[in-house]
Protein backbone atom coordinates (compact mmCIF):
# COMPACT_ATOMS: atom_id res chain seq x y z
CA UNK A 1 37.15 59.84 270.82
CA UNK A 2 38.35 63.13 271.19
CA UNK A 3 40.09 65.75 268.79
CA UNK A 4 43.13 66.04 271.67
CA UNK A 5 42.97 62.59 272.01
CA UNK A 6 43.65 61.91 268.49
CA UNK A 7 46.28 64.40 267.99
CA UNK A 8 48.07 63.00 270.88
CA UNK A 9 48.09 59.59 269.51
CA UNK A 10 48.60 60.81 265.65
CA UNK A 11 51.66 62.73 267.43
CA UNK A 12 53.02 59.61 268.64
CA UNK A 13 52.84 57.19 265.57
CA UNK A 14 53.94 59.68 263.06
CA UNK A 15 56.41 61.88 265.39
CA UNK A 16 57.72 64.92 263.62
CA UNK A 17 56.19 64.45 260.56
CA UNK A 18 52.98 65.86 261.96
CA UNK A 19 54.62 69.56 263.15
CA UNK A 20 52.50 71.13 260.37
CA UNK A 21 49.17 72.53 261.35
CA UNK A 22 47.62 71.56 257.85
CA UNK A 23 48.87 68.02 258.08
CA UNK A 24 47.62 67.43 261.50
CA UNK A 25 44.53 68.75 260.71
CA UNK A 26 44.21 66.52 257.66
CA UNK A 27 45.02 63.36 259.61
CA UNK A 28 42.58 64.16 262.01
CA UNK A 29 39.96 64.63 259.37
CA UNK A 30 40.54 61.68 257.74
CA UNK A 31 40.19 59.46 260.89
CA UNK A 32 36.56 60.90 261.61
CA UNK A 33 35.40 61.22 258.09
CA UNK A 34 36.61 57.74 257.62
CA UNK A 35 36.26 56.00 260.79
CA UNK A 36 39.63 55.07 261.49
CA UNK A 37 41.67 54.92 264.47
CA UNK A 38 45.15 56.91 264.49
CA UNK A 39 46.69 53.70 264.39
CA UNK A 40 44.74 52.36 261.56
CA UNK A 41 45.96 55.66 259.72
CA UNK A 42 49.49 55.10 260.33
CA UNK A 43 49.43 51.53 258.53
CA UNK A 44 48.04 52.74 255.65
CA UNK A 45 50.11 55.67 255.53
CA UNK A 46 53.19 53.53 256.06
CA UNK A 47 51.73 51.03 252.81
CA UNK A 48 51.28 54.24 250.86
CA UNK A 49 54.53 55.54 251.04
CA UNK A 50 56.13 51.75 250.71
CA UNK A 51 54.44 51.17 247.68
CA UNK A 52 55.13 54.78 246.12
CA UNK A 53 58.60 54.20 247.10
CA UNK A 54 58.86 57.98 249.12
CA UNK A 55 59.99 58.50 252.63
CA UNK A 56 58.07 57.69 255.47
CA UNK A 57 59.46 60.32 257.70
CA UNK A 58 58.35 63.33 255.25
CA UNK A 59 54.52 64.07 255.20
CA UNK A 60 54.10 67.27 253.43
CA UNK A 61 51.22 68.71 252.65
CA UNK A 62 51.57 68.33 249.01
CA UNK A 63 50.76 64.24 249.84
CA UNK A 64 47.56 64.98 251.03
CA UNK A 65 45.56 64.74 248.31
CA UNK A 66 47.04 61.59 247.02
CA UNK A 67 47.07 60.09 250.55
CA UNK A 68 43.10 60.67 250.93
CA UNK A 69 42.64 58.63 247.27
CA UNK A 70 44.68 56.07 248.23
CA UNK A 71 42.54 55.55 251.43
CA UNK A 72 39.31 55.77 249.23
CA UNK A 73 40.86 53.08 247.17
CA UNK A 74 41.73 50.91 249.91
CA UNK A 75 37.95 51.31 251.42
CA UNK A 76 36.68 50.31 248.32
CA UNK A 77 38.91 47.22 247.89
CA UNK A 78 37.45 46.39 251.38
CA UNK A 79 34.35 45.94 250.28
CA UNK A 80 34.93 44.30 247.22
CA UNK A 81 37.02 41.74 249.52
CA UNK A 82 34.38 41.69 251.85
CA UNK A 83 31.74 40.74 249.35
CA UNK A 84 33.80 38.31 247.30
CA UNK A 85 34.59 36.45 250.47
CA UNK A 86 30.95 35.86 251.82
CA UNK A 87 30.51 32.13 252.55
CA UNK A 88 26.86 30.28 252.67
CA UNK A 89 25.56 29.72 256.00
CA UNK A 90 26.44 25.69 257.72
CA UNK A 91 23.66 23.63 257.66
CA UNK A 92 21.92 25.04 254.96
CA UNK A 93 21.41 21.25 254.02
CA UNK A 94 23.74 21.47 250.67
CA UNK A 95 25.48 18.16 249.76
CA UNK A 96 28.67 17.95 250.90
CA UNK A 97 31.45 18.82 248.59
CA UNK A 98 34.34 16.59 247.19
CA UNK A 99 37.72 17.64 246.62
CA UNK A 100 40.54 15.67 245.08
CA UNK A 101 43.31 14.72 247.51
CA UNK A 102 46.79 14.54 247.13
CA UNK A 103 46.94 11.55 245.51
CA UNK A 104 44.51 12.51 242.82
CA UNK A 105 41.16 10.47 244.33
CA UNK A 106 37.89 12.19 244.58
CA UNK A 107 37.23 12.19 248.35
CA UNK A 108 35.20 14.08 251.19
CA UNK A 109 36.44 17.38 251.89
CA UNK A 110 38.84 16.93 254.91
CA UNK A 111 38.48 12.86 254.89
CA UNK A 112 41.56 10.93 256.36
CA UNK A 113 42.81 7.75 256.56
CA UNK A 114 43.34 7.26 260.54
CA UNK A 115 41.42 7.98 263.78
CA UNK A 116 44.38 10.48 264.51
CA UNK A 117 44.27 12.15 260.92
CA UNK A 118 40.33 12.31 261.29
CA UNK A 119 40.74 14.77 264.72
CA UNK A 120 43.06 16.74 262.84
CA UNK A 121 40.64 16.92 259.98
CA UNK A 122 37.59 17.55 261.78
CA UNK A 123 39.79 20.37 263.49
CA UNK A 124 40.70 21.73 260.49
CA UNK A 125 37.24 21.43 259.09
CA UNK A 126 36.22 23.37 262.33
CA UNK A 127 38.44 26.43 261.63
CA UNK A 128 39.05 26.99 257.80
CA UNK A 129 35.99 27.09 255.20
CA UNK A 130 35.58 24.10 252.88
CA UNK A 131 36.20 23.49 249.72
CA UNK A 132 32.77 25.37 249.13
CA UNK A 133 33.90 28.38 248.58
CA UNK A 134 34.95 30.04 245.39
CA UNK A 135 38.77 30.28 245.15
CA UNK A 136 40.19 33.31 245.70
CA UNK A 137 43.60 34.41 246.21
CA UNK A 138 44.82 36.99 247.88
CA UNK A 139 45.94 39.61 244.98
CA UNK A 140 46.97 42.84 246.55
CA UNK A 141 46.99 42.74 250.37
CA UNK A 142 49.68 45.59 250.19
CA UNK A 143 47.74 47.95 252.36
CA UNK A 144 47.87 45.62 255.08
CA UNK A 145 43.86 45.46 255.43
CA UNK A 146 42.49 42.40 256.17
CA UNK A 147 40.67 40.75 253.22
CA UNK A 148 37.43 40.69 255.72
CA UNK A 149 37.33 44.27 256.82
CA UNK A 150 37.99 42.71 260.55
CA UNK A 151 40.26 45.67 262.20
CA UNK A 152 43.05 43.34 262.65
CA UNK A 153 46.18 45.04 260.94
CA UNK A 154 49.19 42.57 259.69
CA UNK A 155 52.38 45.03 260.33
CA UNK A 156 54.04 43.16 257.34
CA UNK A 157 53.37 44.76 253.92
CA UNK A 158 53.68 43.28 250.90
CA UNK A 159 54.93 45.14 247.79
CA UNK A 160 52.16 46.55 245.33
CA UNK A 161 53.51 44.64 242.78
CA UNK A 162 52.40 41.23 244.17
CA UNK A 163 49.75 40.80 241.55
CA UNK A 164 52.15 40.55 238.85
CA UNK A 165 53.36 37.44 239.96
CA UNK A 166 50.03 36.10 238.95
CA UNK A 167 51.13 34.88 234.99
CA UNK A 168 50.17 31.92 232.66
CA UNK A 169 53.52 29.37 232.61
CA UNK A 170 54.38 27.14 230.12
CA UNK A 171 53.71 29.73 227.09
CA UNK A 172 56.99 30.87 226.98
CA UNK A 173 58.06 31.62 223.33
CA UNK A 174 61.61 31.45 221.92
CA UNK A 175 61.54 35.28 220.98
CA UNK A 176 60.13 36.42 224.76
CA UNK A 177 62.71 34.51 226.22
CA UNK A 178 65.18 36.46 223.83
CA UNK A 179 63.79 40.19 223.95
CA UNK A 180 63.79 39.53 228.51
CA UNK A 181 67.47 38.22 227.96
CA UNK A 182 68.35 41.06 225.42
CA UNK A 183 66.77 43.68 227.28
CA UNK A 184 68.51 43.53 230.44
CA UNK A 185 71.78 44.04 228.94
CA UNK A 186 70.92 47.14 227.17
CA UNK A 187 69.44 48.28 230.44
CA UNK A 188 72.85 47.79 232.11
CA UNK A 189 74.37 49.17 229.42
CA UNK A 190 72.40 52.60 229.95
CA UNK A 191 73.24 52.03 233.86
CA UNK A 192 77.16 52.22 233.07
CA UNK A 193 76.95 54.60 230.20
CA UNK A 194 75.71 57.21 232.74
CA UNK A 195 77.47 56.61 235.69
CA UNK A 196 80.56 56.37 233.81
CA UNK A 197 79.72 59.55 231.93
CA UNK A 198 81.29 57.92 228.84
CA UNK A 199 80.91 59.87 225.73
CA UNK A 200 80.80 57.21 223.52
CA UNK A 201 78.04 54.50 222.96
CA UNK A 202 78.62 51.38 224.21
CA UNK A 203 80.60 49.34 221.61
CA UNK A 204 80.28 45.89 219.95
CA UNK A 205 83.72 43.95 221.23
CA UNK A 206 83.74 41.91 217.98
CA UNK A 207 84.63 45.10 215.96
CA UNK A 208 87.98 46.12 215.77
CA UNK A 209 88.91 49.65 216.82
CA UNK A 210 91.87 52.03 217.31
CA UNK A 211 91.07 53.13 220.51
CA UNK A 212 89.81 51.19 223.60
CA UNK A 213 86.33 50.94 223.93
CA UNK A 214 83.52 50.05 226.81
CA UNK A 215 81.68 47.21 226.36
CA UNK A 216 78.93 45.60 228.05
CA UNK A 217 76.97 41.88 228.16
CA UNK A 218 76.59 39.05 229.50
CA UNK A 219 79.19 36.04 230.69
CA UNK A 220 78.70 32.94 229.31
CA UNK A 221 80.69 29.70 229.43
CA UNK A 222 82.23 27.99 226.58
CA UNK A 223 81.96 24.37 228.31
CA UNK A 224 79.33 22.83 229.88
CA UNK A 225 81.46 22.34 233.17
CA UNK A 226 82.13 24.66 235.93
CA UNK A 227 82.96 28.18 234.34
CA UNK A 228 86.72 29.18 234.32
CA UNK A 229 89.19 32.43 233.10
CA UNK A 230 89.85 30.59 230.14
CA UNK A 231 86.33 29.39 229.25
CA UNK A 232 85.10 33.31 229.61
CA UNK A 233 82.89 34.30 226.83
CA UNK A 234 81.04 37.93 226.17
CA UNK A 235 77.00 37.86 224.83
CA UNK A 236 76.73 41.65 223.60
CA UNK A 237 73.10 42.40 222.96
CA UNK A 238 71.84 42.39 219.64
CA UNK A 239 71.58 46.38 219.60
CA UNK A 240 75.39 46.61 220.72
CA UNK A 241 76.76 43.52 218.59
CA UNK A 242 74.13 41.55 217.15
CA UNK A 243 74.53 38.76 219.99
CA UNK A 244 77.75 37.61 218.59
CA UNK A 245 79.61 35.76 221.53
CA UNK A 246 83.35 36.47 221.80
CA UNK A 247 86.38 35.26 224.36
CA UNK A 248 87.90 37.17 226.82
CA UNK A 249 91.40 37.36 228.01
CA UNK A 250 92.68 39.29 230.51
CA UNK A 251 95.64 41.90 229.83
CA UNK A 252 98.34 41.05 232.37
CA UNK A 253 98.69 44.27 234.35
CA UNK A 254 94.53 44.70 234.21
CA UNK A 255 93.39 47.13 236.56
CA UNK A 256 90.05 47.84 238.48
CA UNK A 257 88.06 51.01 237.85
CA UNK A 258 87.39 53.01 240.95
CA UNK A 259 84.27 54.28 241.17
CA UNK A 260 82.70 57.40 241.01
CA UNK A 261 80.67 58.58 244.18
CA UNK A 262 78.48 61.89 243.54
CA UNK A 263 76.18 60.46 246.13
CA UNK A 264 78.21 59.63 249.68
CA UNK A 265 75.53 57.32 250.41
CA UNK A 266 76.24 55.53 247.39
CA UNK A 267 80.21 55.29 247.57
CA UNK A 268 81.60 51.80 247.53
CA UNK A 269 84.85 50.97 248.58
CA UNK A 270 87.98 50.22 246.05
CA UNK A 271 87.40 46.99 244.38
CA UNK A 272 90.30 44.63 244.33
CA UNK A 273 88.73 42.28 241.54
CA UNK A 274 85.44 41.17 240.19
CA UNK A 275 83.15 37.91 240.34
CA UNK A 276 81.82 36.23 237.31
CA UNK A 277 79.39 33.87 236.68
CA UNK A 278 77.26 32.57 233.68
CA UNK A 279 74.36 35.17 233.45
CA UNK A 280 76.12 38.08 235.34
CA UNK A 281 76.10 41.46 233.12
CA UNK A 282 79.27 42.59 233.31
CA UNK A 283 81.55 46.05 231.57
CA UNK A 284 85.19 45.99 230.37
CA UNK A 285 87.45 48.51 228.70
CA UNK A 286 89.67 47.33 226.21
CA UNK A 287 90.07 46.54 222.61
CA UNK A 288 89.73 43.35 219.84
CA UNK A 289 92.78 41.57 219.50
CA UNK A 290 93.99 38.18 217.73
CA UNK A 291 95.79 35.06 218.54
CA UNK A 292 96.49 31.46 217.48
CA UNK A 293 92.69 30.62 218.34
CA UNK A 294 91.60 33.56 216.61
CA UNK A 295 89.43 36.76 218.07
CA UNK A 296 89.56 38.03 221.24
CA UNK A 297 88.46 41.00 223.47
CA UNK A 298 91.15 41.97 225.31
CA UNK A 299 90.49 43.41 229.18
CA UNK A 300 93.09 46.01 229.98
CA UNK A 301 89.91 47.45 232.62
CA UNK A 302 87.48 45.96 234.76
CA UNK A 303 84.23 48.33 235.28
CA UNK A 304 82.23 47.55 238.35
CA UNK A 305 78.60 47.73 237.54
CA UNK A 306 76.50 50.91 238.91
CA UNK A 307 75.28 50.34 242.79
CA UNK A 308 71.86 51.27 243.69
CA UNK A 309 70.88 53.77 245.93
CA UNK A 310 71.76 52.98 249.08
CA UNK A 311 69.17 52.06 251.63
CA UNK A 312 68.54 55.05 253.98
CA UNK A 313 67.04 54.96 257.34
CA UNK A 314 66.63 57.78 259.77
CA UNK A 315 64.87 58.11 263.20
CA UNK A 316 61.92 59.77 261.77
CA UNK A 317 60.97 56.11 259.65
CA UNK A 318 58.80 53.82 261.82
CA UNK A 319 58.75 52.33 265.36
CA UNK A 320 61.10 49.81 267.01
CA UNK A 321 60.13 45.71 266.89
CA UNK A 322 61.32 42.61 266.75
CA UNK A 323 60.86 39.96 263.93
CA UNK A 324 61.82 36.25 263.59
CA UNK A 325 62.82 34.71 260.25
CA UNK A 326 62.52 31.07 259.90
CA UNK A 327 62.78 28.86 256.82
CA UNK A 328 62.21 25.61 255.80
CA UNK A 329 61.62 22.43 255.79
CA UNK A 330 60.20 22.04 258.75
CA UNK A 331 60.35 18.40 259.60
CA UNK A 332 62.74 15.83 259.75
CA UNK A 333 63.58 13.33 256.52
CA UNK A 334 62.72 10.53 259.07
CA UNK A 335 58.85 11.57 259.63
CA UNK A 336 56.64 14.03 259.56
CA UNK A 337 55.96 15.24 263.19
CA UNK A 338 56.97 18.29 262.27
CA UNK A 339 59.06 18.50 265.59
CA UNK A 340 61.25 21.51 264.37
CA UNK A 341 58.05 23.59 263.76
CA UNK A 342 56.99 23.12 266.99
CA UNK A 343 60.10 24.45 268.24
CA UNK A 344 59.76 27.32 266.07
CA UNK A 345 56.52 27.82 267.74
CA UNK A 346 58.16 27.74 271.37
CA UNK A 347 60.99 30.35 270.15
CA UNK A 348 57.87 32.73 269.60
CA UNK A 349 56.44 31.95 272.72
CA UNK A 350 59.86 32.95 274.31
CA UNK A 351 60.57 36.07 272.12
CA UNK A 352 57.15 37.42 271.70
CA UNK A 353 57.86 39.08 268.37
CA UNK A 354 55.86 41.43 266.37
CA UNK A 355 56.13 39.47 263.13
CA UNK A 356 57.28 36.05 261.94
CA UNK A 357 58.21 35.84 258.41
CA UNK A 358 57.60 31.90 257.09
CA UNK A 359 59.66 30.68 254.45
CA UNK A 360 58.93 27.70 252.34
CA UNK A 361 58.90 24.91 251.79
CA UNK A 362 56.28 24.04 254.09
CA UNK A 363 55.77 20.51 252.56
CA UNK A 364 58.93 19.72 250.80
CA UNK A 365 58.53 18.12 247.66
CA UNK A 366 62.09 16.15 248.12
CA UNK A 367 61.23 14.80 251.22
CA UNK A 368 61.66 11.18 251.46
CA UNK A 369 58.30 9.93 252.74
CA UNK A 370 56.46 12.33 250.18
CA UNK A 371 58.71 11.39 247.10
CA UNK A 372 58.08 7.90 247.96
CA UNK A 373 54.34 8.35 248.46
CA UNK A 374 54.44 7.00 251.85
CA UNK A 375 52.19 9.27 253.95
CA UNK A 376 48.59 8.52 255.45
CA UNK A 377 46.91 11.45 254.41
CA UNK A 378 46.31 14.23 252.08
CA UNK A 379 48.86 17.24 251.71
CA UNK A 380 46.46 19.81 252.61
CA UNK A 381 45.34 17.83 255.85
CA UNK A 382 49.08 17.76 256.78
CA UNK A 383 49.69 21.59 255.98
CA UNK A 384 46.83 22.18 257.77
CA UNK A 385 46.91 19.99 261.01
CA UNK A 386 51.12 20.57 261.70
CA UNK A 387 51.14 24.36 260.89
CA UNK A 388 48.06 26.14 260.26
CA UNK A 389 46.15 25.01 263.10
CA UNK A 390 48.93 25.40 265.59
CA UNK A 391 49.87 28.96 264.15
CA UNK A 392 45.93 29.64 264.55
CA UNK A 393 46.35 28.62 268.05
CA UNK A 394 49.11 30.71 268.79
CA UNK A 395 48.06 33.85 267.51
CA UNK A 396 44.65 33.52 268.86
CA UNK A 397 45.11 31.63 272.41
CA UNK A 398 48.38 33.42 273.07
CA UNK A 399 49.62 36.61 271.08
CA UNK A 400 46.99 38.42 269.23
CA UNK A 401 49.16 41.21 268.02
CA UNK A 402 51.72 38.84 265.72
CA UNK A 403 51.63 39.60 262.56
CA UNK A 404 52.62 36.31 260.03
CA UNK A 405 53.85 36.17 256.55
CA UNK A 406 54.22 33.12 254.51
CA UNK A 407 56.44 33.15 251.39
CA UNK A 408 56.33 29.96 249.11
CA UNK A 409 59.38 27.83 247.44
CA UNK A 410 59.46 26.21 244.02
CA UNK A 411 59.67 22.66 246.05
CA UNK A 412 56.64 23.52 247.78
CA UNK A 413 53.63 20.91 248.14
CA UNK A 414 51.38 23.55 249.22
CA UNK A 415 51.12 26.25 246.72
CA UNK A 416 49.46 26.62 243.21
CA UNK A 417 52.71 27.46 241.23
CA UNK A 418 55.91 25.73 241.39
CA UNK A 419 57.93 28.15 238.62
CA UNK A 420 60.10 30.88 239.52
CA UNK A 421 59.49 33.56 239.92
CA UNK A 422 56.49 32.64 242.39
CA UNK A 423 53.02 33.89 242.98
CA UNK A 424 51.90 34.40 246.62
CA UNK A 425 50.08 32.00 248.36
CA UNK A 426 50.89 28.94 250.84
CA UNK A 427 48.31 25.93 251.59
CA UNK A 428 44.65 25.40 250.39
CA UNK A 429 42.33 27.97 249.39
CA UNK A 430 40.19 27.46 252.34
CA UNK A 431 43.15 28.65 254.45
CA UNK A 432 44.28 31.85 252.20
CA UNK A 433 40.73 32.69 252.90
CA UNK A 434 40.28 32.21 256.35
CA UNK A 435 38.23 34.76 258.24
CA UNK A 436 40.16 35.24 261.56
CA UNK A 437 38.30 37.00 264.27
CA UNK A 438 38.08 40.69 264.40
CA UNK A 439 41.14 41.64 266.92
CA UNK A 440 43.36 39.02 264.83
CA UNK A 441 45.47 40.41 261.79
CA UNK A 442 45.11 37.90 258.54
CA UNK A 443 48.24 36.17 257.49
CA UNK A 444 49.90 38.09 254.88
CA UNK A 445 51.22 36.13 251.54
CA UNK A 446 54.35 36.93 249.80
CA UNK A 447 55.48 36.07 246.39
CA UNK A 448 58.95 34.65 245.79
CA UNK A 449 61.00 36.68 245.72
CA UNK A 450 58.99 39.01 247.19
CA UNK A 451 59.46 42.75 248.96
CA UNK A 452 57.82 44.20 252.30
CA UNK A 453 58.28 46.41 254.71
CA UNK A 454 57.82 46.57 258.70
CA UNK A 455 56.95 50.00 260.01
CA UNK A 456 59.04 51.57 257.59
CA UNK A 457 62.49 48.98 257.04
CA UNK A 458 62.42 47.48 253.46
CA UNK A 459 62.63 44.04 253.26
CA UNK A 460 63.71 41.69 250.21
CA UNK A 461 63.59 37.97 250.96
CA UNK A 462 63.72 34.72 248.39
CA UNK A 463 63.78 30.70 249.05
CA UNK A 464 65.83 29.79 246.32
CA UNK A 465 69.38 29.01 247.64
CA UNK A 466 71.26 31.51 245.23
CA UNK A 467 73.85 32.00 247.43
CA UNK A 468 74.99 28.16 246.84
CA UNK A 469 74.11 28.60 242.88
CA UNK A 470 76.65 31.14 242.89
CA UNK A 471 79.27 29.69 244.66
CA UNK A 472 79.17 26.88 242.39
CA UNK A 473 79.54 29.04 239.50
CA UNK A 474 81.53 31.69 240.44
CA UNK A 475 84.85 32.38 238.88
CA UNK A 476 86.70 35.74 240.66
CA UNK A 477 89.47 37.70 238.69
CA UNK A 478 91.90 39.98 240.90
CA UNK A 479 93.06 43.24 239.63
CA UNK A 480 96.76 43.12 238.85
CA UNK A 481 99.04 43.26 242.12
CA UNK A 482 95.78 42.44 243.99
CA UNK A 483 96.00 38.46 243.71
CA UNK A 484 97.03 38.37 247.44
CA UNK A 485 94.56 40.84 249.08
CA UNK A 486 92.44 39.67 251.75
CA UNK A 487 88.63 38.57 250.15
CA UNK A 488 85.26 38.20 251.84
CA UNK A 489 84.17 35.16 249.58
CA UNK A 490 80.50 35.35 251.43
CA UNK A 491 80.41 39.49 250.97
CA UNK A 492 81.02 38.63 247.39
CA UNK A 493 78.50 36.39 246.58
CA UNK A 494 75.77 38.71 248.76
CA UNK A 495 77.11 41.71 246.61
CA UNK A 496 76.60 40.39 243.44
CA UNK A 497 72.69 40.13 244.21
CA UNK A 498 73.25 44.10 244.83
CA UNK A 499 75.66 44.44 241.84
CA UNK A 500 73.36 42.58 239.21
CA UNK A 501 69.64 43.72 240.69
CA UNK A 502 68.45 40.42 240.93
CA UNK A 503 67.49 37.99 243.71
CA UNK A 504 68.89 35.37 240.99
CA UNK A 505 71.08 36.54 238.51
CA UNK A 506 72.50 33.17 237.42
CA UNK A 507 71.66 32.13 233.72
CA UNK A 508 71.53 29.38 232.70
CA UNK A 509 70.67 27.81 235.64
CA UNK A 510 72.99 24.48 236.70
CA UNK A 511 71.62 21.64 235.05
CA UNK A 512 71.76 19.77 238.35
CA UNK A 513 70.08 22.51 240.34
CA UNK A 514 67.47 23.37 237.86
CA UNK A 515 64.71 21.46 239.77
CA UNK A 516 65.21 23.93 242.64
CA UNK A 517 64.20 27.08 240.25
CA UNK A 518 62.13 26.05 237.63
CA UNK A 519 63.09 29.51 236.10
CA UNK A 520 60.32 31.39 234.02
CA UNK A 521 62.75 32.94 231.52
CA UNK A 522 60.19 35.47 230.02
CA UNK A 523 59.07 36.70 233.67
CA UNK A 524 62.39 37.28 235.23
CA UNK A 525 62.17 40.91 235.26
CA UNK A 526 59.96 40.24 238.52
CA UNK A 527 63.45 39.27 240.08
CA UNK A 528 64.52 42.44 239.69
CA UNK A 529 65.59 44.92 242.50
CA UNK A 530 64.20 48.16 241.57
CA UNK A 531 65.61 51.94 242.37
CA UNK A 532 66.56 51.19 245.56
CA UNK A 533 68.47 48.49 247.82
CA UNK A 534 66.26 46.86 250.74
CA UNK A 535 67.50 47.60 254.35
CA UNK A 536 67.24 43.88 254.59
CA UNK A 537 68.16 40.79 252.36
CA UNK A 538 67.17 37.26 253.40
CA UNK A 539 68.94 34.76 251.55
CA UNK A 540 67.83 31.28 253.15
CA UNK A 541 71.10 28.91 251.82
CA UNK A 542 72.30 25.30 252.64
CA UNK A 543 75.78 27.22 253.18
CA UNK A 544 76.76 28.63 257.06
CA UNK A 545 74.17 30.73 258.76
CA UNK A 546 75.48 34.38 259.14
CA UNK A 547 74.13 37.57 259.52
CA UNK A 548 76.13 40.35 257.44
CA UNK A 549 75.70 44.04 258.01
CA UNK A 550 77.70 46.83 256.18
CA UNK A 551 78.70 50.16 256.70
CA UNK A 552 81.24 52.64 255.36
CA UNK A 553 83.17 52.15 258.39
CA UNK A 554 83.73 48.12 258.99
CA UNK A 555 85.89 46.14 261.11
CA UNK A 556 87.83 43.61 259.46
CA UNK A 557 85.40 40.46 259.80
CA UNK A 558 82.02 43.01 258.65
CA UNK A 559 81.58 43.02 254.41
CA UNK A 560 80.63 45.96 252.79
CA UNK A 561 77.69 45.61 250.80
CA UNK A 562 76.10 49.15 250.33
CA UNK A 563 74.79 49.64 253.98
CA UNK A 564 72.32 46.72 253.44
CA UNK A 565 71.84 43.77 256.08
CA UNK A 566 71.98 40.57 254.50
CA UNK A 567 70.89 37.38 256.38
CA UNK A 568 71.01 33.57 255.92
CA UNK A 569 68.87 32.14 258.38
CA UNK A 570 69.86 28.61 257.41
CA UNK A 571 66.71 25.93 257.85
CA UNK A 572 64.40 25.47 260.82
CA UNK A 573 65.52 21.74 260.04
CA UNK A 574 69.54 20.89 260.24
CA UNK A 575 70.71 17.06 260.40
CA UNK A 576 67.43 16.01 261.07
CA UNK A 577 67.02 18.03 264.33
CA UNK A 578 65.74 21.54 264.76
CA UNK A 579 68.03 23.90 263.17
CA UNK A 580 68.02 28.29 263.17
CA UNK A 581 66.07 30.85 263.35
CA UNK A 582 66.96 34.68 262.59
CA UNK A 583 65.86 37.08 265.20
CA UNK A 584 66.06 40.90 263.96
CA UNK A 585 65.51 43.66 266.35
CA UNK A 586 65.02 47.30 265.31
CA UNK A 587 65.99 50.18 267.45
CA UNK A 588 64.32 53.31 265.80
CA UNK A 589 66.17 55.49 268.29
CA UNK A 590 69.50 54.52 266.33
CA UNK A 591 69.83 56.33 262.84
CA UNK A 592 71.40 53.90 259.67
CA UNK A 593 72.06 50.00 259.54
CA UNK A 594 73.15 50.42 263.26
CA UNK A 595 69.50 50.38 264.58
CA UNK A 596 69.56 46.84 262.73
CA UNK A 597 70.76 44.08 265.06
CA UNK A 598 70.43 40.19 263.85
CA UNK A 599 70.92 37.09 265.87
CA UNK A 600 70.89 33.83 264.68
CA UNK A 601 69.47 31.58 267.54
CA UNK A 602 69.44 27.90 267.73
CA UNK A 603 66.34 26.16 268.09
């Protein structure tokens, strides 16, 4: 490839960010030195900027050394992965390995019970490596590189912290849980102090003061039933108030503070009140008071939490693309035929998207047949024959340029860890290390919750039904005079995720829903939304499907969520019939949130 052709392709991919001759010369050198195509270099640049949280549309000369080191590290990882995934030759005469079935018995790898399942299992074994291969989990595929060194590139780039989700669970200590919960309160105390330019430290709500003070703490429930205004407790941190909980009571003329907005992009509309739920971090201004039932903190002003940095989408970032988002379950409660998943594949064939994001559960532990043990083949074989093999056929035979990402669910039967936060990986090990043909991109495995990017658009997602849990626990306190003001209840639920900077801010988990979360408190910092809000947050829920986008100038039916688009794609299976799929269209020629269009389509 000549230098002129390389420069032309680089300009088409990078746009105006390569107008500097020095940067253009460096990129051409990278392509020649590392034998990379301009498109491969662009994907590496996208991964580099995403993991370092920098603007993909700006490529300055000061970034050249860091980008060069990043490419070197990326190539070294490819060599290591290519070495670690090498498999022994077939037909070597080695004795067949046995694997543990879903029923706990030792059986031959891929063995099944019925003629039909035997055919499917044979297909699976011919496509995916057997369990002879040393188990290898994808620890960091964030550079979008094939684990086998193949040129196929997955445009779905997971965040670089994905390896942190590989942790030991069931080793929690009480002091570790307490420290994590306590440090979260102190962290928000610093946010509030800086945002509102407080001259005094965050106060102890249990101490009497002559003047009103600002307190920050966690909302707790004084009862075991649903939270109400009369059962509100505030728990300060051990540093600010020794962790002593105190009842909250709102003054009759309580008001909601207006937020300062030094950054126009982070400005927020005036609040008519705030939503409270167990686990929420809240800030109030008031003073200690005494009543017939003892001391309480009298709230005179509610302080909305500081907003995250708003996402910035410019024309220079990324390219136009279409993505489909689907959430499980993928089969009805009456059978294991996976008809809704077949409908998903039909939707992919029709829409021809560049990216397909599949969210768990793929095989739901709550499925009646699985719960009762009324299945005729191992769980792994069901996954390989009903989901993995059809996906493989679709990509290899029909849509070679389709990038696929999978995120597990706590309720999944085909994942190695059923705690939240949850590590990446769906399906048996032989599927996760499957070597696709050279022109096919490998599947990206996302953590739960997980952050990823597609052509410069940043996404966040979780498979826990956080919206339903919030709605079940929330109590909304209106400011004086705003009791009759209209409010978007669904928009307020979405706002909690951004305000609390967490994909799951509820604590403790509601008892009747604890099995759907299985929260590991000592690692709950992995649930945090760090630095800036994503452009899109995907929150599948049993609540009615929606796609809520917001700008600073919106119509009445929209909600303001600090420029972040929230999507509830519902589920692929609804009422034992094919459900919904979300189609995301990004127009790179537009600017800001207007470039993202979302349609919820029935399968």
